[in-house]
Amino acid sequence: ITTKIDREHPELKEYAKSNGWWDGKKEFDFAATYSYVNTAT
């Protein structure tokens, strides 16, 4: 799951932000943020 997220954990993005995985500015990509997989490939 990349950027098309229809439901999510209520703290999903805040947790990623607090760990420095996502800056809160660019579009949120679940797979890219929560794994090591390059979602483009």
PDB file of all heavy atoms in Angstrom:
ATOM      1  N   ILE A   1       0.873  -1.175   0.000  1.00  0.00           N
ATOM      2  CA  ILE A   1       0.000   0.000   0.000  1.00  0.00           C
ATOM      3  C   ILE A   1       0.910   1.226   0.000  1.00  0.00           C
ATOM      4  O   ILE A   1       1.750   1.393   0.879  1.00  0.00           O
ATOM      5  CB  ILE A   1      -0.939   0.014   1.223  1.00  0.00           C
ATOM      6  CG1 ILE A   1      -1.918  -1.156   1.147  1.00  0.00           C
ATOM      7  CG2 ILE A   1      -1.682   1.349   1.318  1.00  0.00           C
ATOM      8  CD1 ILE A   1      -2.801  -1.321   2.368  1.00  0.00           C
ATOM      9  N   THR A   2       0.739   2.069  -0.994  1.00  0.00           N
ATOM     10  CA  THR A   2       1.610   3.244  -1.103  1.00  0.00           C
ATOM     11  C   THR A   2       0.833   4.490  -0.651  1.00  0.00           C
ATOM     12  O   THR A   2       0.695   4.717   0.541  1.00  0.00           O
ATOM     13  CB  THR A   2       2.166   3.370  -2.533  1.00  0.00           C
ATOM     14  OG1 THR A   2       1.086   3.436  -3.463  1.00  0.00           O
ATOM     15  CG2 THR A   2       3.074   2.211  -2.883  1.00  0.00           C
ATOM     16  N   THR A   3       0.301   5.286  -1.569  1.00  0.00           N
ATOM     17  CA  THR A   3      -0.357   6.544  -1.204  1.00  0.00           C
ATOM     18  C   THR A   3      -1.879   6.454  -1.198  1.00  0.00           C
ATOM     19  O   THR A   3      -2.531   7.350  -0.680  1.00  0.00           O
ATOM     20  CB  THR A   3       0.089   7.664  -2.158  1.00  0.00           C
ATOM     21  OG1 THR A   3      -0.234   7.293  -3.497  1.00  0.00           O
ATOM     22  CG2 THR A   3       1.577   7.913  -2.045  1.00  0.00           C
ATOM     23  N   LYS A   4      -2.434   5.392  -1.777  1.00  0.00           N
ATOM     24  CA  LYS A   4      -3.893   5.225  -1.756  1.00  0.00           C
ATOM     25  C   LYS A   4      -4.272   4.506  -0.468  1.00  0.00           C
ATOM     26  O   LYS A   4      -4.249   3.287  -0.380  1.00  0.00           O
ATOM     27  CB  LYS A   4      -4.386   4.443  -2.973  1.00  0.00           C
ATOM     28  CG  LYS A   4      -5.912   4.357  -3.027  1.00  0.00           C
ATOM     29  CD  LYS A   4      -6.387   3.453  -4.128  1.00  0.00           C
ATOM     30  CE  LYS A   4      -7.882   3.314  -4.210  1.00  0.00           C
ATOM     31  NZ  LYS A   4      -8.569   2.935  -2.996  1.00  0.00           N
ATOM     32  N   ILE A   5      -4.588   5.282   0.556  1.00  0.00           N
ATOM     33  CA  ILE A   5      -4.950   4.750   1.865  1.00  0.00           C
ATOM     34  C   ILE A   5      -6.378   5.194   2.163  1.00  0.00           C
ATOM     35  O   ILE A   5      -6.659   6.389   2.247  1.00  0.00           O
ATOM     36  CB  ILE A   5      -3.978   5.256   2.953  1.00  0.00           C
ATOM     37  CG1 ILE A   5      -2.552   4.827   2.609  1.00  0.00           C
ATOM     38  CG2 ILE A   5      -4.401   4.746   4.323  1.00  0.00           C
ATOM     39  CD1 ILE A   5      -1.491   5.443   3.499  1.00  0.00           C
ATOM     40  N   ASP A   6      -7.271   4.220   2.314  1.00  0.00           N
ATOM     41  CA  ASP A   6      -8.676   4.539   2.541  1.00  0.00           C
ATOM     42  C   ASP A   6      -9.066   4.486   4.020  1.00  0.00           C
ATOM     43  O   ASP A   6     -10.038   5.113   4.431  1.00  0.00           O
ATOM     44  CB  ASP A   6      -9.557   3.593   1.718  1.00  0.00           C
ATOM     45  CG  ASP A   6      -9.320   3.794   0.229  1.00  0.00           C
ATOM     46  OD1 ASP A   6      -9.540   4.912  -0.251  1.00  0.00           O
ATOM     47  OD2 ASP A   6      -8.867   2.846  -0.440  1.00  0.00           O
ATOM     48  N   ARG A   7      -8.337   3.702   4.794  1.00  0.00           N
ATOM     49  CA  ARG A   7      -8.491   3.679   6.256  1.00  0.00           C
ATOM     50  C   ARG A   7      -7.102   3.481   6.844  1.00  0.00           C
ATOM     51  O   ARG A   7      -6.255   2.867   6.219  1.00  0.00           O
ATOM     52  CB  ARG A   7      -9.413   2.528   6.698  1.00  0.00           C
ATOM     53  CG  ARG A   7     -10.891   2.783   6.399  1.00  0.00           C
ATOM     54  CD  ARG A   7     -11.798   1.711   6.951  1.00  0.00           C
ATOM     55  NE  ARG A   7     -11.626   1.522   8.383  1.00  0.00           N
ATOM     56  CZ  ARG A   7     -12.176   0.533   9.080  1.00  0.00           C
ATOM     57  NH1 ARG A   7     -12.936  -0.363   8.476  1.00  0.00           N
ATOM     58  NH2 ARG A   7     -11.979   0.411  10.374  1.00  0.00           N
ATOM     59  N   GLU A   8      -6.882   4.002   8.046  1.00  0.00           N
ATOM     60  CA  GLU A   8      -5.556   3.889   8.653  1.00  0.00           C
ATOM     61  C   GLU A   8      -5.649   3.956  10.169  1.00  0.00           C
ATOM     62  O   GLU A   8      -6.636   4.467  10.721  1.00  0.00           O
ATOM     63  CB  GLU A   8      -4.635   4.997   8.152  1.00  0.00           C
ATOM     64  CG  GLU A   8      -5.080   6.382   8.579  1.00  0.00           C
ATOM     65  CD  GLU A   8      -4.316   7.497   7.888  1.00  0.00           C
ATOM     66  OE1 GLU A   8      -4.350   7.549   6.637  1.00  0.00           O
ATOM     67  OE2 GLU A   8      -3.699   8.308   8.600  1.00  0.00           O
ATOM     68  N   HIS A   9      -4.616   3.467  10.819  1.00  0.00           N
ATOM     69  CA  HIS A   9      -4.493   3.599  12.267  1.00  0.00           C
ATOM     70  C   HIS A   9      -4.499   5.095  12.572  1.00  0.00           C
ATOM     71  O   HIS A   9      -3.832   5.871  11.877  1.00  0.00           O
ATOM     72  CB  HIS A   9      -3.188   2.944  12.737  1.00  0.00           C
ATOM     73  CG  HIS A   9      -3.033   2.942  14.217  1.00  0.00           C
ATOM     74  ND1 HIS A   9      -2.635   4.058  14.929  1.00  0.00           N
ATOM     75  CD2 HIS A   9      -3.225   1.959  15.130  1.00  0.00           C
ATOM     76  CE1 HIS A   9      -2.582   3.767  16.212  1.00  0.00           C
ATOM     77  NE2 HIS A   9      -2.935   2.488  16.363  1.00  0.00           N
ATOM     78  N   PRO A  10      -5.225   5.530  13.605  1.00  0.00           N
ATOM     79  CA  PRO A  10      -5.329   6.973  13.873  1.00  0.00           C
ATOM     80  C   PRO A  10      -3.994   7.665  14.154  1.00  0.00           C
ATOM     81  O   PRO A  10      -3.877   8.873  13.975  1.00  0.00           O
ATOM     82  CB  PRO A  10      -6.265   7.056  15.084  1.00  0.00           C
ATOM     83  CG  PRO A  10      -6.417   5.678  15.598  1.00  0.00           C
ATOM     84  CD  PRO A  10      -6.026   4.730  14.517  1.00  0.00           C
ATOM     85  N   GLU A  11      -2.972   6.927  14.577  1.00  0.00           N
ATOM     86  CA  GLU A  11      -1.674   7.530  14.875  1.00  0.00           C
ATOM     87  C   GLU A  11      -0.598   7.142  13.854  1.00  0.00           C
ATOM     88  O   GLU A  11       0.593   7.366  14.083  1.00  0.00           O
ATOM     89  CB  GLU A  11      -1.230   7.100  16.279  1.00  0.00           C
ATOM     90  CG  GLU A  11      -2.180   7.557  17.369  1.00  0.00           C
ATOM     91  CD  GLU A  11      -1.951   6.829  18.690  1.00  0.00           C
ATOM     92  OE1 GLU A  11      -0.917   6.146  18.835  1.00  0.00           O
ATOM     93  OE2 GLU A  11      -2.817   6.941  19.554  1.00  0.00           O
ATOM     94  N   LEU A  12      -1.001   6.574  12.721  1.00  0.00           N
ATOM     95  CA  LEU A  12      -0.058   6.064  11.722  1.00  0.00           C
ATOM     96  C   LEU A  12       0.962   7.117  11.283  1.00  0.00           C
ATOM     97  O   LEU A  12       2.166   6.899  11.323  1.00  0.00           O
ATOM     98  CB  LEU A  12      -0.825   5.544  10.501  1.00  0.00           C
ATOM     99  CG  LEU A  12       0.006   5.009   9.345  1.00  0.00           C
ATOM    100  CD1 LEU A  12       0.584   3.640   9.717  1.00  0.00           C
ATOM    101  CD2 LEU A  12      -0.854   4.892   8.086  1.00  0.00           C
ATOM    102  N   LYS A  13       0.465   8.268  10.873  1.00  0.00           N
ATOM    103  CA  LYS A  13       1.350   9.308  10.339  1.00  0.00           C
ATOM    104  C   LYS A  13       2.142   9.990  11.456  1.00  0.00           C
ATOM    105  O   LYS A  13       3.324  10.276  11.294  1.00  0.00           O
ATOM    106  CB  LYS A  13       0.540  10.316   9.530  1.00  0.00           C
ATOM    107  CG  LYS A  13      -0.022   9.702   8.261  1.00  0.00           C
ATOM    108  CD  LYS A  13      -0.924  10.653   7.520  1.00  0.00           C
ATOM    109  CE  LYS A  13      -1.509   9.945   6.304  1.00  0.00           C
ATOM    110  NZ  LYS A  13      -2.630  10.659   5.733  1.00  0.00           N
ATOM    111  N   GLU A  14       1.505  10.223  12.580  1.00  0.00           N
ATOM    112  CA  GLU A  14       2.196  10.885  13.697  1.00  0.00           C
ATOM    113  C   GLU A  14       3.336  10.013  14.219  1.00  0.00           C
ATOM    114  O   GLU A  14       4.415  10.518  14.540  1.00  0.00           O
ATOM    115  CB  GLU A  14       1.195  11.208  14.819  1.00  0.00           C
ATOM    116  CG  GLU A  14       1.731  12.163  15.847  1.00  0.00           C
ATOM    117  CD  GLU A  14       2.285  13.456  15.260  1.00  0.00           C
ATOM    118  OE1 GLU A  14       1.658  14.056  14.368  1.00  0.00           O
ATOM    119  OE2 GLU A  14       3.386  13.856  15.691  1.00  0.00           O
ATOM    120  N   TYR A  15       3.130   8.708  14.274  1.00  0.00           N
ATOM    121  CA  TYR A  15       4.181   7.787  14.724  1.00  0.00           C
ATOM    122  C   TYR A  15       5.366   7.823  13.750  1.00  0.00           C
ATOM    123  O   TYR A  15       6.522   7.861  14.162  1.00  0.00           O
ATOM    124  CB  TYR A  15       3.622   6.371  14.862  1.00  0.00           C
ATOM    125  CG  TYR A  15       4.616   5.369  15.381  1.00  0.00           C
ATOM    126  CD1 TYR A  15       5.019   5.388  16.712  1.00  0.00           C
ATOM    127  CD2 TYR A  15       5.160   4.400  14.547  1.00  0.00           C
ATOM    128  CE1 TYR A  15       5.945   4.469  17.193  1.00  0.00           C
ATOM    129  CE2 TYR A  15       6.077   3.473  15.011  1.00  0.00           C
ATOM    130  CZ  TYR A  15       6.464   3.520  16.343  1.00  0.00           C
ATOM    131  OH  TYR A  15       7.382   2.609  16.815  1.00  0.00           O
ATOM    132  N   ALA A  16       5.065   7.809  12.455  1.00  0.00           N
ATOM    133  CA  ALA A  16       6.128   7.877  11.439  1.00  0.00           C
ATOM    134  C   ALA A  16       6.891   9.198  11.558  1.00  0.00           C
ATOM    135  O   ALA A  16       8.124   9.230  11.458  1.00  0.00           O
ATOM    136  CB  ALA A  16       5.533   7.726  10.044  1.00  0.00           C
ATOM    137  N   LYS A  17       6.166  10.276  11.793  1.00  0.00           N
ATOM    138  CA  LYS A  17       6.796  11.595  11.933  1.00  0.00           C
ATOM    139  C   LYS A  17       7.695  11.636  13.169  1.00  0.00           C
ATOM    140  O   LYS A  17       8.826  12.105  13.108  1.00  0.00           O
ATOM    141  CB  LYS A  17       5.692  12.649  12.056  1.00  0.00           C
ATOM    142  CG  LYS A  17       5.941  13.918  11.349  1.00  0.00           C
ATOM    143  CD  LYS A  17       4.635  14.663  11.336  1.00  0.00           C
ATOM    144  CE  LYS A  17       4.785  16.116  11.216  1.00  0.00           C
ATOM    145  NZ  LYS A  17       3.531  16.818  11.219  1.00  0.00           N
ATOM    146  N   SER A  18       7.204  11.094  14.289  1.00  0.00           N
ATOM    147  CA  SER A  18       7.969  11.132  15.538  1.00  0.00           C
ATOM    148  C   SER A  18       9.240  10.284  15.468  1.00  0.00           C
ATOM    149  O   SER A  18      10.183  10.523  16.214  1.00  0.00           O
ATOM    150  CB  SER A  18       7.101  10.678  16.713  1.00  0.00           C
ATOM    151  OG  SER A  18       6.830   9.291  16.639  1.00  0.00           O
ATOM    152  N   ASN A  19       9.279   9.302  14.560  1.00  0.00           N
ATOM    153  CA  ASN A  19      10.468   8.474  14.376  1.00  0.00           C
ATOM    154  C   ASN A  19      11.391   8.999  13.278  1.00  0.00           C
ATOM    155  O   ASN A  19      12.409   8.376  12.979  1.00  0.00           O
ATOM    156  CB  ASN A  19      10.061   7.028  14.062  1.00  0.00           C
ATOM    157  CG  ASN A  19       9.675   6.277  15.301  1.00  0.00           C
ATOM    158  OD1 ASN A  19      10.516   5.967  16.140  1.00  0.00           O
ATOM    159  ND2 ASN A  19       8.381   6.003  15.454  1.00  0.00           N
ATOM    160  N   GLY A  20      11.013  10.098  12.651  1.00  0.00           N
ATOM    161  CA  GLY A  20      11.836  10.678  11.597  1.00  0.00           C
ATOM    162  C   GLY A  20      11.750   9.951  10.265  1.00  0.00           C
ATOM    163  O   GLY A  20      12.589  10.133   9.391  1.00  0.00           O
ATOM    164  N   TRP A  21      10.730   9.128  10.093  1.00  0.00           N
ATOM    165  CA  TRP A  21      10.565   8.370   8.844  1.00  0.00           C
ATOM    166  C   TRP A  21       9.855   9.185   7.770  1.00  0.00           C
ATOM    167  O   TRP A  21       9.919   8.865   6.589  1.00  0.00           O
ATOM    168  CB  TRP A  21       9.771   7.095   9.094  1.00  0.00           C
ATOM    169  CG  TRP A  21      10.336   6.168  10.117  1.00  0.00           C
ATOM    170  CD1 TRP A  21      11.629   6.103  10.558  1.00  0.00           C
ATOM    171  CD2 TRP A  21       9.626   5.171  10.841  1.00  0.00           C
ATOM    172  NE1 TRP A  21      11.763   5.126  11.507  1.00  0.00           N
ATOM    173  CE2 TRP A  21      10.540   4.532  11.698  1.00  0.00           C
ATOM    174  CE3 TRP A  21       8.302   4.746  10.860  1.00  0.00           C
ATOM    175  CZ2 TRP A  21      10.187   3.504  12.557  1.00  0.00           C
ATOM    176  CZ3 TRP A  21       7.934   3.724  11.710  1.00  0.00           C
ATOM    177  CH2 TRP A  21       8.873   3.107  12.547  1.00  0.00           C
ATOM    178  N   TRP A  22       9.089  10.208   8.189  1.00  0.00           N
ATOM    179  CA  TRP A  22       8.285  11.029   7.271  1.00  0.00           C
ATOM    180  C   TRP A  22       8.329  12.459   7.772  1.00  0.00           C
ATOM    181  O   TRP A  22       8.175  12.705   8.969  1.00  0.00           O
ATOM    182  CB  TRP A  22       6.866  10.468   7.238  1.00  0.00           C
ATOM    183  CG  TRP A  22       5.888  11.206   6.383  1.00  0.00           C
ATOM    184  CD1 TRP A  22       5.978  11.411   5.032  1.00  0.00           C
ATOM    185  CD2 TRP A  22       4.668  11.817   6.805  1.00  0.00           C
ATOM    186  NE1 TRP A  22       4.884  12.126   4.585  1.00  0.00           N
ATOM    187  CE2 TRP A  22       4.062  12.376   5.660  1.00  0.00           C
ATOM    188  CE3 TRP A  22       4.027  11.954   8.019  1.00  0.00           C
ATOM    189  CZ2 TRP A  22       2.855  13.057   5.710  1.00  0.00           C
ATOM    190  CZ3 TRP A  22       2.816  12.625   8.076  1.00  0.00           C
ATOM    191  CH2 TRP A  22       2.239  13.162   6.926  1.00  0.00           C
ATOM    192  N   ASP A  23       8.528  13.386   6.861  1.00  0.00           N
ATOM    193  CA  ASP A  23       8.669  14.787   7.281  1.00  0.00           C
ATOM    194  C   ASP A  23       7.334  15.512   7.449  1.00  0.00           C
ATOM    195  O   ASP A  23       7.299  16.650   7.912  1.00  0.00           O
ATOM    196  CB  ASP A  23       9.575  15.550   6.315  1.00  0.00           C
ATOM    197  CG  ASP A  23       9.028  15.628   4.893  1.00  0.00           C
ATOM    198  OD1 ASP A  23       7.847  15.264   4.657  1.00  0.00           O
ATOM    199  OD2 ASP A  23       9.790  16.039   4.003  1.00  0.00           O
ATOM    200  N   GLY A  24       6.244  14.898   7.066  1.00  0.00           N
ATOM    201  CA  GLY A  24       4.937  15.538   7.196  1.00  0.00           C
ATOM    202  C   GLY A  24       4.619  16.488   6.061  1.00  0.00           C
ATOM    203  O   GLY A  24       3.530  17.049   5.996  1.00  0.00           O
ATOM    204  N   LYS A  25       5.548  16.672   5.140  1.00  0.00           N
ATOM    205  CA  LYS A  25       5.346  17.594   4.031  1.00  0.00           C
ATOM    206  C   LYS A  25       5.053  16.860   2.728  1.00  0.00           C
ATOM    207  O   LYS A  25       4.100  17.187   2.029  1.00  0.00           O
ATOM    208  CB  LYS A  25       6.571  18.501   3.864  1.00  0.00           C
ATOM    209  CG  LYS A  25       6.785  19.405   5.049  1.00  0.00           C
ATOM    210  CD  LYS A  25       8.063  20.188   4.923  1.00  0.00           C
ATOM    211  CE  LYS A  25       8.281  20.968   6.216  1.00  0.00           C
ATOM    212  NZ  LYS A  25       9.649  21.217   6.515  1.00  0.00           N
ATOM    213  N   LYS A  26       5.889  15.889   2.407  1.00  0.00           N
ATOM    214  CA  LYS A  26       5.648  15.164   1.153  1.00  0.00           C
ATOM    215  C   LYS A  26       4.482  14.189   1.346  1.00  0.00           C
ATOM    216  O   LYS A  26       4.088  13.880   2.474  1.00  0.00           O
ATOM    217  CB  LYS A  26       6.910  14.443   0.681  1.00  0.00           C
ATOM    218  CG  LYS A  26       7.389  13.346   1.588  1.00  0.00           C
ATOM    219  CD  LYS A  26       8.654  12.710   1.021  1.00  0.00           C
ATOM    220  CE  LYS A  26       9.150  11.655   2.004  1.00  0.00           C
ATOM    221  NZ  LYS A  26      10.365  11.041   1.632  1.00  0.00           N
ATOM    222  N   GLU A  27       3.939  13.725   0.228  1.00  0.00           N
ATOM    223  CA  GLU A  27       2.800  12.806   0.282  1.00  0.00           C
ATOM    224  C   GLU A  27       3.181  11.557   1.076  1.00  0.00           C
ATOM    225  O   GLU A  27       4.267  11.012   0.914  1.00  0.00           O
ATOM    226  CB  GLU A  27       2.378  12.419  -1.144  1.00  0.00           C
ATOM    227  CG  GLU A  27       1.135  11.572  -1.194  1.00  0.00           C
ATOM    228  CD  GLU A  27       0.651  11.300  -2.617  1.00  0.00           C
ATOM    229  OE1 GLU A  27       1.492  11.290  -3.543  1.00  0.00           O
ATOM    230  OE2 GLU A  27      -0.549  11.111  -2.792  1.00  0.00           O
ATOM    231  N   PHE A  28       2.283  11.117   1.942  1.00  0.00           N
ATOM    232  CA  PHE A  28       2.556   9.954   2.788  1.00  0.00           C
ATOM    233  C   PHE A  28       2.439   8.675   1.970  1.00  0.00           C
ATOM    234  O   PHE A  28       1.434   8.441   1.310  1.00  0.00           O
ATOM    235  CB  PHE A  28       1.589   9.909   3.976  1.00  0.00           C
ATOM    236  CG  PHE A  28       1.879   8.790   4.923  1.00  0.00           C
ATOM    237  CD1 PHE A  28       2.891   8.911   5.860  1.00  0.00           C
ATOM    238  CD2 PHE A  28       1.151   7.617   4.870  1.00  0.00           C
ATOM    239  CE1 PHE A  28       3.178   7.877   6.740  1.00  0.00           C
ATOM    240  CE2 PHE A  28       1.427   6.574   5.745  1.00  0.00           C
ATOM    241  CZ  PHE A  28       2.444   6.704   6.686  1.00  0.00           C
ATOM    242  N   ASP A  29       3.463   7.840   2.025  1.00  0.00           N
ATOM    243  CA  ASP A  29       3.523   6.560   1.320  1.00  0.00           C
ATOM    244  C   ASP A  29       3.773   5.488   2.382  1.00  0.00           C
ATOM    245  O   ASP A  29       4.866   5.409   2.938  1.00  0.00           O
ATOM    246  CB  ASP A  29       4.664   6.606   0.299  1.00  0.00           C
ATOM    247  CG  ASP A  29       4.826   5.327  -0.509  1.00  0.00           C
ATOM    248  OD1 ASP A  29       4.662   4.221   0.052  1.00  0.00           O
ATOM    249  OD2 ASP A  29       5.163   5.430  -1.701  1.00  0.00           O
ATOM    250  N   PHE A  30       2.756   4.690   2.674  1.00  0.00           N
ATOM    251  CA  PHE A  30       2.852   3.703   3.757  1.00  0.00           C
ATOM    252  C   PHE A  30       3.998   2.724   3.544  1.00  0.00           C
ATOM    253  O   PHE A  30       4.814   2.514   4.439  1.00  0.00           O
ATOM    254  CB  PHE A  30       1.518   2.955   3.901  1.00  0.00           C
ATOM    255  CG  PHE A  30       1.539   1.882   4.959  1.00  0.00           C
ATOM    256  CD1 PHE A  30       1.667   2.208   6.308  1.00  0.00           C
ATOM    257  CD2 PHE A  30       1.425   0.546   4.619  1.00  0.00           C
ATOM    258  CE1 PHE A  30       1.689   1.223   7.284  1.00  0.00           C
ATOM    259  CE2 PHE A  30       1.439  -0.450   5.589  1.00  0.00           C
ATOM    260  CZ  PHE A  30       1.573  -0.104   6.930  1.00  0.00           C
ATOM    261  N   ALA A  31       4.071   2.097   2.370  1.00  0.00           N
ATOM    262  CA  ALA A  31       5.115   1.098   2.111  1.00  0.00           C
ATOM    263  C   ALA A  31       6.500   1.718   2.204  1.00  0.00           C
ATOM    264  O   ALA A  31       7.411   1.136   2.795  1.00  0.00           O
ATOM    265  CB  ALA A  31       4.908   0.435   0.754  1.00  0.00           C
ATOM    266  N   ALA A  32       6.685   2.892   1.642  1.00  0.00           N
ATOM    267  CA  ALA A  32       7.996   3.540   1.667  1.00  0.00           C
ATOM    268  C   ALA A  32       8.374   3.975   3.083  1.00  0.00           C
ATOM    269  O   ALA A  32       9.543   3.918   3.458  1.00  0.00           O
ATOM    270  CB  ALA A  32       8.005   4.742   0.729  1.00  0.00           C
ATOM    271  N   THR A  33       7.394   4.379   3.866  1.00  0.00           N
ATOM    272  CA  THR A  33       7.657   4.881   5.211  1.00  0.00           C
ATOM    273  C   THR A  33       7.895   3.762   6.217  1.00  0.00           C
ATOM    274  O   THR A  33       8.770   3.862   7.070  1.00  0.00           O
ATOM    275  CB  THR A  33       6.475   5.756   5.684  1.00  0.00           C
ATOM    276  OG1 THR A  33       6.276   6.797   4.727  1.00  0.00           O
ATOM    277  CG2 THR A  33       6.733   6.360   7.046  1.00  0.00           C
ATOM    278  N   TYR A  34       7.144   2.681   6.102  1.00  0.00           N
ATOM    279  CA  TYR A  34       7.196   1.608   7.102  1.00  0.00           C
ATOM    280  C   TYR A  34       8.017   0.398   6.667  1.00  0.00           C
ATOM    281  O   TYR A  34       8.004  -0.625   7.339  1.00  0.00           O
ATOM    282  CB  TYR A  34       5.779   1.182   7.496  1.00  0.00           C
ATOM    283  CG  TYR A  34       5.180   2.096   8.552  1.00  0.00           C
ATOM    284  CD1 TYR A  34       4.594   3.307   8.216  1.00  0.00           C
ATOM    285  CD2 TYR A  34       5.222   1.742   9.900  1.00  0.00           C
ATOM    286  CE1 TYR A  34       4.058   4.142   9.183  1.00  0.00           C
ATOM    287  CE2 TYR A  34       4.687   2.560  10.869  1.00  0.00           C
ATOM    288  CZ  TYR A  34       4.104   3.771  10.513  1.00  0.00           C
ATOM    289  OH  TYR A  34       3.586   4.595  11.486  1.00  0.00           O
ATOM    290  N   SER A  35       8.708   0.473   5.546  1.00  0.00           N
ATOM    291  CA  SER A  35       9.550  -0.656   5.125  1.00  0.00           C
ATOM    292  C   SER A  35      10.780  -0.132   4.400  1.00  0.00           C
ATOM    293  O   SER A  35      10.922   1.058   4.154  1.00  0.00           O
ATOM    294  CB  SER A  35       8.776  -1.612   4.217  1.00  0.00           C
ATOM    295  OG  SER A  35       8.526  -1.036   2.954  1.00  0.00           O
ATOM    296  N   TYR A  36      11.629  -1.069   4.034  1.00  0.00           N
ATOM    297  CA  TYR A  36      12.856  -0.718   3.321  1.00  0.00           C
ATOM    298  C   TYR A  36      12.711  -0.878   1.813  1.00  0.00           C
ATOM    299  O   TYR A  36      13.655  -0.698   1.077  1.00  0.00           O
ATOM    300  CB  TYR A  36      14.011  -1.601   3.796  1.00  0.00           C
ATOM    301  CG  TYR A  36      14.299  -1.422   5.255  1.00  0.00           C
ATOM    302  CD1 TYR A  36      13.937  -2.387   6.172  1.00  0.00           C
ATOM    303  CD2 TYR A  36      14.921  -0.267   5.709  1.00  0.00           C
ATOM    304  CE1 TYR A  36      14.195  -2.219   7.524  1.00  0.00           C
ATOM    305  CE2 TYR A  36      15.182  -0.078   7.057  1.00  0.00           C
ATOM    306  CZ  TYR A  36      14.820  -1.063   7.962  1.00  0.00           C
ATOM    307  OH  TYR A  36      15.064  -0.886   9.288  1.00  0.00           O
ATOM    308  N   VAL A  37      11.536  -1.237   1.351  1.00  0.00           N
ATOM    309  CA  VAL A  37      11.320  -1.498  -0.073  1.00  0.00           C
ATOM    310  C   VAL A  37      11.201  -0.179  -0.828  1.00  0.00           C
ATOM    311  O   VAL A  37      10.506   0.728  -0.391  1.00  0.00           O
ATOM    312  CB  VAL A  37      10.031  -2.339  -0.284  1.00  0.00           C
ATOM    313  CG1 VAL A  37       9.736  -2.515  -1.747  1.00  0.00           C
ATOM    314  CG2 VAL A  37      10.165  -3.686   0.400  1.00  0.00           C
ATOM    315  N   ASN A  38      11.864  -0.083  -1.952  1.00  0.00           N
ATOM    316  CA  ASN A  38      11.736   1.070  -2.831  1.00  0.00           C
ATOM    317  C   ASN A  38      10.430   0.876  -3.612  1.00  0.00           C
ATOM    318  O   ASN A  38      10.351   0.057  -4.511  1.00  0.00           O
ATOM    319  CB  ASN A  38      12.937   1.141  -3.785  1.00  0.00           C
ATOM    320  CG  ASN A  38      12.815   2.275  -4.771  1.00  0.00           C
ATOM    321  OD1 ASN A  38      11.742   2.838  -4.991  1.00  0.00           O
ATOM    322  ND2 ASN A  38      13.932   2.607  -5.390  1.00  0.00           N
ATOM    323  N   THR A  39       9.401   1.624  -3.252  1.00  0.00           N
ATOM    324  CA  THR A  39       8.083   1.406  -3.850  1.00  0.00           C
ATOM    325  C   THR A  39       8.046   1.701  -5.341  1.00  0.00           C
ATOM    326  O   THR A  39       7.198   1.185  -6.050  1.00  0.00           O
ATOM    327  CB  THR A  39       7.000   2.242  -3.133  1.00  0.00           C
ATOM    328  OG1 THR A  39       7.375   3.612  -3.194  1.00  0.00           O
ATOM    329  CG2 THR A  39       6.855   1.808  -1.694  1.00  0.00           C
ATOM    330  N   ALA A  40       8.972   2.509  -5.842  1.00  0.00           N
ATOM    331  CA  ALA A  40       8.997   2.815  -7.274  1.00  0.00           C
ATOM    332  C   ALA A  40       9.365   1.582  -8.100  1.00  0.00           C
ATOM    333  O   ALA A  40       9.021   1.487  -9.270  1.00  0.00           O
ATOM    334  CB  ALA A  40       9.977   3.944  -7.560  1.00  0.00           C
ATOM    335  N   THR A  41      10.067   0.612  -7.498  1.00  0.00           N
ATOM    336  CA  THR A  41      10.490  -0.568  -8.258  1.00  0.00           C
ATOM    337  C   THR A  41       9.702  -1.829  -7.895  1.00  0.00           C
ATOM    338  O   THR A  41       9.997  -2.898  -8.405  1.00  0.00           O
ATOM    339  CB  THR A  41      11.991  -0.846  -8.043  1.00  0.00           C
ATOM    340  OG1 THR A  41      12.207  -1.103  -6.653  1.00  0.00           O
ATOM    341  CG2 THR A  41      12.846   0.313  -8.506  1.00  0.00           C
TER     342      THR A  41
END
